[in-house]
Amino acid sequence: MPLEGTRGSETRVGAYLRRDVPTCRLDERLSDVRPRVRAAGWDTCFVVNDEQIVLGWLGRTPLAQDGDARVEQAMSAGPSTVRPSFELDRAVERMRRQSLSTLPVTTSEGRLLGLLERDTAEQAQHELNRNVARTLSEGSQP
């Protein structure tokens, strides 16, 4: 998809997504979702419909408990999301300000694309800033 502005795709959230995010459906049981999420190495799960539209998420607490409730009963509704074209520096700032370790990335229709992890975003932002400084330094050399 084309980007607005003069900054390249490496400055956008979409370049740094984890796409292996576990998902589940409203009618599933926690006892079925829990082992699948743990086996994938995660402790949270996004609740989606058949079109992969984000409906909510299951946090650590419901997935850590032994209950057998339906996902719909245990989930938190509609997490805040960003688009893949969202600028990385703004995402890092938002994650720091709101003490977020991850940020879900969706299409404008709400379709889950992946997850931006704060550590990855901060590291990428640091590298981008270093490259800009290097370019400016080289440009000022005689």
N, C-alpha and C. Protein backbone atom coordinates (compact mmCIF):
# COMPACT_ATOMS: atom_id res chain seq x y z
N MET A 1 0.84 -1.18 0.00
CA MET A 1 0.00 0.00 0.00
C MET A 1 0.88 1.24 0.00
N PRO A 2 0.53 2.27 -0.75
CA PRO A 2 1.32 3.49 -0.79
C PRO A 2 1.26 4.23 0.55
N LEU A 3 2.35 4.90 0.86
CA LEU A 3 2.44 5.67 2.09
C LEU A 3 2.33 7.15 1.78
N GLU A 4 1.73 7.88 2.71
CA GLU A 4 1.70 9.33 2.60
C GLU A 4 2.95 9.89 3.22
N GLY A 5 3.40 11.04 2.72
CA GLY A 5 4.55 11.71 3.29
C GLY A 5 5.84 11.28 2.63
N THR A 6 6.95 11.78 3.18
CA THR A 6 8.25 11.53 2.56
C THR A 6 9.06 10.47 3.29
N ARG A 7 8.60 10.02 4.43
CA ARG A 7 9.33 9.01 5.20
C ARG A 7 9.08 7.62 4.64
N GLY A 8 10.11 6.79 4.61
CA GLY A 8 10.03 5.46 4.03
C GLY A 8 9.33 4.45 4.92
N SER A 9 9.12 3.26 4.35
CA SER A 9 8.40 2.20 5.07
C SER A 9 9.15 1.73 6.31
N GLU A 10 10.48 1.90 6.35
CA GLU A 10 11.23 1.49 7.53
C GLU A 10 10.92 2.37 8.74
N THR A 11 10.22 3.47 8.54
CA THR A 11 9.84 4.35 9.65
C THR A 11 8.40 4.07 10.11
N ARG A 12 7.80 3.02 9.57
CA ARG A 12 6.40 2.70 9.86
C ARG A 12 6.28 1.39 10.63
N VAL A 13 5.25 1.31 11.42
CA VAL A 13 4.97 0.16 12.27
C VAL A 13 4.93 -1.15 11.46
N GLY A 14 4.36 -1.11 10.28
CA GLY A 14 4.17 -2.32 9.49
C GLY A 14 5.45 -3.06 9.16
N ALA A 15 6.59 -2.40 9.21
CA ALA A 15 7.87 -3.04 8.90
C ALA A 15 8.37 -3.92 10.04
N TYR A 16 7.75 -3.85 11.21
CA TYR A 16 8.29 -4.52 12.39
C TYR A 16 7.29 -5.44 13.09
N LEU A 17 6.28 -5.88 12.39
CA LEU A 17 5.23 -6.70 12.99
C LEU A 17 5.66 -8.13 13.26
N ARG A 18 5.13 -8.68 14.34
CA ARG A 18 5.13 -10.13 14.55
C ARG A 18 3.80 -10.61 14.03
N ARG A 19 3.83 -11.51 13.10
CA ARG A 19 2.59 -11.99 12.47
C ARG A 19 2.12 -13.33 13.04
N ASP A 20 2.90 -13.91 13.93
CA ASP A 20 2.57 -15.22 14.49
C ASP A 20 1.75 -15.11 15.77
N VAL A 21 0.88 -14.13 15.80
CA VAL A 21 0.07 -13.85 16.98
C VAL A 21 -1.05 -14.88 17.12
N PRO A 22 -1.21 -15.48 18.30
CA PRO A 22 -2.28 -16.46 18.47
C PRO A 22 -3.65 -15.78 18.46
N THR A 23 -4.61 -16.46 17.88
CA THR A 23 -5.98 -15.97 17.84
C THR A 23 -6.93 -17.06 18.31
N CYS A 24 -8.12 -16.63 18.70
CA CYS A 24 -9.16 -17.56 19.10
C CYS A 24 -10.51 -16.97 18.74
N ARG A 25 -11.56 -17.76 18.88
CA ARG A 25 -12.91 -17.34 18.53
C ARG A 25 -13.76 -17.19 19.78
N LEU A 26 -14.83 -16.42 19.66
CA LEU A 26 -15.73 -16.15 20.78
C LEU A 26 -16.27 -17.41 21.44
N ASP A 27 -16.61 -18.42 20.63
CA ASP A 27 -17.29 -19.60 21.17
C ASP A 27 -16.34 -20.68 21.68
N GLU A 28 -15.04 -20.46 21.60
CA GLU A 28 -14.09 -21.45 22.11
C GLU A 28 -14.05 -21.43 23.64
N ARG A 29 -13.61 -22.52 24.20
CA ARG A 29 -13.45 -22.65 25.65
C ARG A 29 -11.99 -22.34 26.02
N LEU A 30 -11.83 -21.71 27.17
CA LEU A 30 -10.47 -21.40 27.64
C LEU A 30 -9.62 -22.66 27.75
N SER A 31 -10.24 -23.77 28.13
CA SER A 31 -9.49 -25.03 28.26
C SER A 31 -8.94 -25.50 26.92
N ASP A 32 -9.53 -25.08 25.81
CA ASP A 32 -9.01 -25.41 24.48
C ASP A 32 -7.98 -24.39 24.00
N VAL A 33 -8.20 -23.13 24.35
CA VAL A 33 -7.34 -22.04 23.89
C VAL A 33 -6.02 -22.03 24.66
N ARG A 34 -6.08 -22.21 25.96
CA ARG A 34 -4.93 -22.10 26.85
C ARG A 34 -3.73 -22.92 26.38
N PRO A 35 -3.88 -24.23 26.13
CA PRO A 35 -2.69 -25.01 25.73
C PRO A 35 -2.13 -24.58 24.37
N ARG A 36 -2.98 -24.17 23.48
CA ARG A 36 -2.55 -23.72 22.15
C ARG A 36 -1.72 -22.44 22.26
N VAL A 37 -2.17 -21.52 23.10
CA VAL A 37 -1.47 -20.25 23.28
C VAL A 37 -0.12 -20.50 23.97
N ARG A 38 -0.12 -21.32 25.01
CA ARG A 38 1.12 -21.63 25.73
C ARG A 38 2.12 -22.36 24.83
N ALA A 39 1.63 -23.30 24.04
CA ALA A 39 2.51 -24.06 23.15
C ALA A 39 3.19 -23.15 22.12
N ALA A 40 2.52 -22.07 21.77
CA ALA A 40 3.08 -21.11 20.81
C ALA A 40 4.03 -20.12 21.50
N GLY A 41 4.14 -20.21 22.84
CA GLY A 41 5.05 -19.35 23.58
C GLY A 41 4.49 -17.98 23.93
N TRP A 42 3.17 -17.87 23.94
CA TRP A 42 2.51 -16.59 24.25
C TRP A 42 1.75 -16.71 25.57
N ASP A 43 1.36 -15.55 26.10
CA ASP A 43 0.53 -15.55 27.30
C ASP A 43 -0.72 -14.69 27.12
N THR A 44 -0.97 -14.25 25.89
CA THR A 44 -2.18 -13.51 25.54
C THR A 44 -2.66 -14.02 24.19
N CYS A 45 -3.90 -13.67 23.86
CA CYS A 45 -4.50 -14.15 22.62
C CYS A 45 -5.52 -13.13 22.12
N PHE A 46 -5.56 -12.90 20.81
CA PHE A 46 -6.54 -11.99 20.24
C PHE A 46 -7.79 -12.75 19.82
N VAL A 47 -8.92 -12.20 20.17
CA VAL A 47 -10.21 -12.78 19.81
C VAL A 47 -10.63 -12.16 18.48
N VAL A 48 -10.84 -13.02 17.48
CA VAL A 48 -11.20 -12.55 16.14
C VAL A 48 -12.41 -13.31 15.61
N ASN A 49 -13.04 -12.74 14.59
CA ASN A 49 -14.13 -13.45 13.92
C ASN A 49 -13.58 -14.17 12.69
N ASP A 50 -14.46 -14.70 11.85
CA ASP A 50 -14.02 -15.47 10.69
C ASP A 50 -13.21 -14.65 9.69
N GLU A 51 -13.39 -13.33 9.70
CA GLU A 51 -12.66 -12.44 8.79
C GLU A 51 -11.39 -11.88 9.42
N GLN A 52 -11.03 -12.39 10.61
CA GLN A 52 -9.86 -11.93 11.36
C GLN A 52 -10.01 -10.52 11.92
N ILE A 53 -11.26 -10.05 12.06
CA ILE A 53 -11.53 -8.76 12.66
C ILE A 53 -11.37 -8.90 14.18
N VAL A 54 -10.60 -8.00 14.78
CA VAL A 54 -10.35 -8.06 16.22
C VAL A 54 -11.61 -7.67 16.98
N LEU A 55 -12.05 -8.57 17.86
CA LEU A 55 -13.22 -8.33 18.70
C LEU A 55 -12.81 -8.04 20.14
N GLY A 56 -11.63 -8.52 20.52
CA GLY A 56 -11.15 -8.35 21.88
C GLY A 56 -9.86 -9.11 22.06
N TRP A 57 -9.49 -9.28 23.32
CA TRP A 57 -8.29 -10.06 23.61
C TRP A 57 -8.40 -10.73 24.95
N LEU A 58 -7.66 -11.83 25.07
CA LEU A 58 -7.55 -12.56 26.33
C LEU A 58 -6.20 -12.22 26.93
N GLY A 59 -6.21 -11.60 28.09
CA GLY A 59 -4.98 -11.25 28.77
C GLY A 59 -4.41 -12.41 29.57
N ARG A 60 -3.36 -12.11 30.29
CA ARG A 60 -2.66 -13.13 31.07
C ARG A 60 -3.54 -13.77 32.15
N THR A 61 -4.34 -12.95 32.81
CA THR A 61 -5.13 -13.46 33.95
C THR A 61 -6.11 -14.56 33.54
N PRO A 62 -6.99 -14.33 32.56
CA PRO A 62 -7.92 -15.42 32.22
C PRO A 62 -7.22 -16.66 31.66
N LEU A 63 -6.09 -16.45 30.98
CA LEU A 63 -5.38 -17.60 30.44
C LEU A 63 -4.60 -18.36 31.51
N ALA A 64 -4.29 -17.70 32.62
CA ALA A 64 -3.55 -18.36 33.70
C ALA A 64 -4.47 -19.12 34.65
N GLN A 65 -5.74 -18.78 34.66
CA GLN A 65 -6.68 -19.45 35.56
C GLN A 65 -7.11 -20.80 34.98
N ASP A 66 -7.62 -21.65 35.84
CA ASP A 66 -7.98 -23.00 35.43
C ASP A 66 -9.42 -23.14 34.92
N GLY A 67 -10.17 -22.07 34.88
CA GLY A 67 -11.57 -22.15 34.49
C GLY A 67 -11.78 -22.64 33.06
N ASP A 68 -13.03 -22.96 32.77
CA ASP A 68 -13.40 -23.46 31.45
C ASP A 68 -14.46 -22.56 30.81
N ALA A 69 -14.41 -21.29 31.10
CA ALA A 69 -15.39 -20.35 30.54
C ALA A 69 -15.20 -20.23 29.03
N ARG A 70 -16.23 -19.71 28.40
CA ARG A 70 -16.10 -19.39 26.97
C ARG A 70 -15.26 -18.13 26.83
N VAL A 71 -14.56 -18.02 25.73
CA VAL A 71 -13.71 -16.86 25.45
C VAL A 71 -14.52 -15.58 25.58
N GLU A 72 -15.73 -15.58 25.05
CA GLU A 72 -16.59 -14.39 25.08
C GLU A 72 -16.80 -13.87 26.50
N GLN A 73 -16.85 -14.78 27.48
CA GLN A 73 -17.07 -14.40 28.87
C GLN A 73 -15.81 -13.87 29.54
N ALA A 74 -14.65 -14.31 29.07
CA ALA A 74 -13.39 -13.99 29.73
C ALA A 74 -12.60 -12.86 29.07
N MET A 75 -12.96 -12.50 27.85
CA MET A 75 -12.15 -11.54 27.09
C MET A 75 -12.37 -10.09 27.54
N SER A 76 -11.41 -9.26 27.20
CA SER A 76 -11.54 -7.81 27.31
C SER A 76 -11.92 -7.31 25.93
N ALA A 77 -12.86 -6.40 25.86
CA ALA A 77 -13.35 -5.93 24.56
C ALA A 77 -12.37 -4.99 23.89
N GLY A 78 -12.49 -4.98 22.56
CA GLY A 78 -11.81 -4.09 21.65
C GLY A 78 -10.57 -3.35 22.10
N PRO A 79 -9.38 -3.95 21.98
CA PRO A 79 -8.16 -3.24 22.34
C PRO A 79 -7.87 -2.10 21.36
N SER A 80 -7.16 -1.11 21.83
CA SER A 80 -6.73 -0.01 20.97
C SER A 80 -5.72 -0.54 19.96
N THR A 81 -5.86 -0.13 18.71
CA THR A 81 -4.98 -0.62 17.65
C THR A 81 -4.42 0.55 16.84
N VAL A 82 -3.43 0.25 16.02
CA VAL A 82 -2.89 1.22 15.07
C VAL A 82 -2.82 0.57 13.69
N ARG A 83 -2.63 1.38 12.68
CA ARG A 83 -2.50 0.91 11.30
C ARG A 83 -1.03 0.65 10.98
N PRO A 84 -0.74 -0.15 9.97
CA PRO A 84 0.65 -0.44 9.63
C PRO A 84 1.41 0.80 9.15
N SER A 85 0.70 1.81 8.70
CA SER A 85 1.34 3.04 8.23
C SER A 85 1.64 4.03 9.36
N PHE A 86 1.24 3.69 10.58
CA PHE A 86 1.49 4.56 11.73
C PHE A 86 3.00 4.71 11.92
N GLU A 87 3.45 5.92 12.18
CA GLU A 87 4.89 6.17 12.30
C GLU A 87 5.46 5.50 13.55
N LEU A 88 6.60 4.86 13.37
CA LEU A 88 7.23 4.10 14.44
C LEU A 88 7.56 4.97 15.65
N ASP A 89 8.06 6.18 15.44
CA ASP A 89 8.41 7.02 16.57
C ASP A 89 7.17 7.39 17.40
N ARG A 90 6.05 7.59 16.73
CA ARG A 90 4.80 7.88 17.46
C ARG A 90 4.32 6.65 18.21
N ALA A 91 4.51 5.47 17.62
CA ALA A 91 4.11 4.24 18.30
C ALA A 91 4.95 4.01 19.55
N VAL A 92 6.25 4.23 19.45
CA VAL A 92 7.14 4.07 20.60
C VAL A 92 6.74 5.04 21.70
N GLU A 93 6.49 6.28 21.33
CA GLU A 93 6.07 7.29 22.31
C GLU A 93 4.78 6.87 23.01
N ARG A 94 3.82 6.39 22.23
CA ARG A 94 2.53 5.96 22.79
C ARG A 94 2.70 4.77 23.73
N MET A 95 3.52 3.80 23.33
CA MET A 95 3.74 2.62 24.15
C MET A 95 4.41 2.99 25.47
N ARG A 96 5.36 3.91 25.42
CA ARG A 96 6.02 4.36 26.65
C ARG A 96 5.02 5.11 27.55
N ARG A 97 4.28 6.04 26.95
CA ARG A 97 3.34 6.86 27.72
C ARG A 97 2.26 6.02 28.39
N GLN A 98 1.80 4.97 27.69
CA GLN A 98 0.72 4.14 28.22
C GLN A 98 1.23 2.85 28.88
N SER A 99 2.53 2.73 29.02
CA SER A 99 3.16 1.53 29.62
C SER A 99 2.71 0.25 28.93
N LEU A 100 2.73 0.25 27.60
CA LEU A 100 2.34 -0.92 26.82
C LEU A 100 3.57 -1.69 26.39
N SER A 101 3.50 -3.01 26.45
CA SER A 101 4.60 -3.83 25.95
C SER A 101 4.36 -4.25 24.50
N THR A 102 3.10 -4.19 24.07
CA THR A 102 2.74 -4.53 22.70
C THR A 102 1.65 -3.60 22.20
N LEU A 103 1.50 -3.58 20.88
CA LEU A 103 0.47 -2.77 20.26
C LEU A 103 -0.07 -3.54 19.05
N PRO A 104 -1.37 -3.88 19.06
CA PRO A 104 -1.93 -4.61 17.92
C PRO A 104 -2.03 -3.71 16.69
N VAL A 105 -1.77 -4.30 15.54
CA VAL A 105 -1.81 -3.57 14.27
C VAL A 105 -2.89 -4.21 13.40
N THR A 106 -3.80 -3.36 12.92
CA THR A 106 -4.93 -3.84 12.12
C THR A 106 -5.09 -2.99 10.87
N THR A 107 -5.89 -3.50 9.95
CA THR A 107 -6.30 -2.70 8.80
C THR A 107 -7.35 -1.71 9.28
N SER A 108 -7.76 -0.81 8.40
CA SER A 108 -8.80 0.16 8.78
C SER A 108 -10.13 -0.53 9.06
N GLU A 109 -10.31 -1.75 8.56
CA GLU A 109 -11.52 -2.52 8.83
C GLU A 109 -11.42 -3.31 10.14
N GLY A 110 -10.25 -3.27 10.77
CA GLY A 110 -10.07 -3.99 12.03
C GLY A 110 -9.48 -5.38 11.89
N ARG A 111 -9.04 -5.75 10.69
CA ARG A 111 -8.45 -7.08 10.46
C ARG A 111 -7.04 -7.13 11.08
N LEU A 112 -6.80 -8.12 11.90
CA LEU A 112 -5.52 -8.26 12.59
C LEU A 112 -4.41 -8.57 11.59
N LEU A 113 -3.36 -7.76 11.63
CA LEU A 113 -2.17 -7.98 10.80
C LEU A 113 -1.02 -8.53 11.62
N GLY A 114 -0.95 -8.13 12.87
CA GLY A 114 0.13 -8.59 13.72
C GLY A 114 0.25 -7.73 14.96
N LEU A 115 1.39 -7.84 15.60
CA LEU A 115 1.62 -7.18 16.87
C LEU A 115 2.98 -6.51 16.84
N LEU A 116 3.02 -5.27 17.28
CA LEU A 116 4.29 -4.57 17.43
C LEU A 116 4.73 -4.71 18.87
N GLU A 117 5.93 -5.24 19.08
CA GLU A 117 6.47 -5.38 20.42
C GLU A 117 7.32 -4.15 20.75
N ARG A 118 7.18 -3.66 21.94
CA ARG A 118 7.88 -2.43 22.33
C ARG A 118 9.40 -2.56 22.21
N ASP A 119 9.96 -3.67 22.66
CA ASP A 119 11.41 -3.86 22.57
C ASP A 119 11.89 -3.76 21.13
N THR A 120 11.18 -4.41 20.23
CA THR A 120 11.53 -4.38 18.81
C THR A 120 11.40 -2.96 18.26
N ALA A 121 10.32 -2.28 18.62
CA ALA A 121 10.08 -0.93 18.13
C ALA A 121 11.14 0.04 18.64
N GLU A 122 11.51 -0.07 19.92
CA GLU A 122 12.53 0.81 20.48
C GLU A 122 13.89 0.57 19.83
N GLN A 123 14.21 -0.68 19.61
CA GLN A 123 15.49 -1.02 18.97
C GLN A 123 15.52 -0.48 17.53
N ALA A 124 14.44 -0.66 16.80
CA ALA A 124 14.37 -0.15 15.42
C ALA A 124 14.46 1.37 15.40
N GLN A 125 13.77 2.03 16.34
CA GLN A 125 13.81 3.49 16.40
C GLN A 125 15.22 3.98 16.70
N HIS A 126 15.90 3.30 17.62
CA HIS A 126 17.28 3.66 17.95
C HIS A 126 18.17 3.54 16.71
N GLU A 127 18.02 2.45 15.98
CA GLU A 127 18.81 2.22 14.77
C GLU A 127 18.51 3.27 13.70
N LEU A 128 17.25 3.61 13.52
CA LEU A 128 16.87 4.65 12.56
C LEU A 128 17.48 5.99 12.94
N ASN A 129 17.42 6.34 14.22
CA ASN A 129 18.00 7.60 14.69
C ASN A 129 19.51 7.62 14.47
N ARG A 130 20.16 6.49 14.71
CA ARG A 130 21.61 6.39 14.51
C ARG A 130 21.96 6.56 13.03
N ASN A 131 21.16 5.96 12.16
CA ASN A 131 21.41 6.08 10.72
C ASN A 131 21.22 7.52 10.24
N VAL A 132 20.21 8.19 10.77
CA VAL A 132 19.97 9.59 10.40
C VAL A 132 21.15 10.45 10.85
N ALA A 133 21.61 10.22 12.09
CA ALA A 133 22.74 10.99 12.61
C ALA A 133 23.99 10.74 11.77
N ARG A 134 24.22 9.49 11.37
CA ARG A 134 25.38 9.14 10.54
C ARG A 134 25.28 9.83 9.19
N THR A 135 24.10 9.82 8.58
CA THR A 135 23.89 10.45 7.29
C THR A 135 24.12 11.96 7.38
N LEU A 136 23.61 12.58 8.42
CA LEU A 136 23.82 14.01 8.61
C LEU A 136 25.29 14.33 8.82
N SER A 137 25.97 13.49 9.59
CA SER A 137 27.39 13.69 9.85
C SER A 137 28.20 13.56 8.57
N GLU A 138 27.90 12.56 7.77
CA GLU A 138 28.62 12.35 6.51
C GLU A 138 28.34 13.48 5.52
N GLY A 139 27.13 14.02 5.57
CA GLY A 139 26.76 15.11 4.68
C GLY A 139 27.45 16.42 5.02
N SER A 140 27.91 16.55 6.27
CA SER A 140 28.58 17.78 6.67
C SER A 140 30.09 17.70 6.50
N GLN A 141 30.59 16.53 6.10
CA GLN A 141 32.01 16.37 5.87
C GLN A 141 32.42 17.06 4.57
N PRO A 142 33.61 17.71 4.56
CA PRO A 142 34.08 18.39 3.32
C PRO A 142 34.48 17.41 2.26
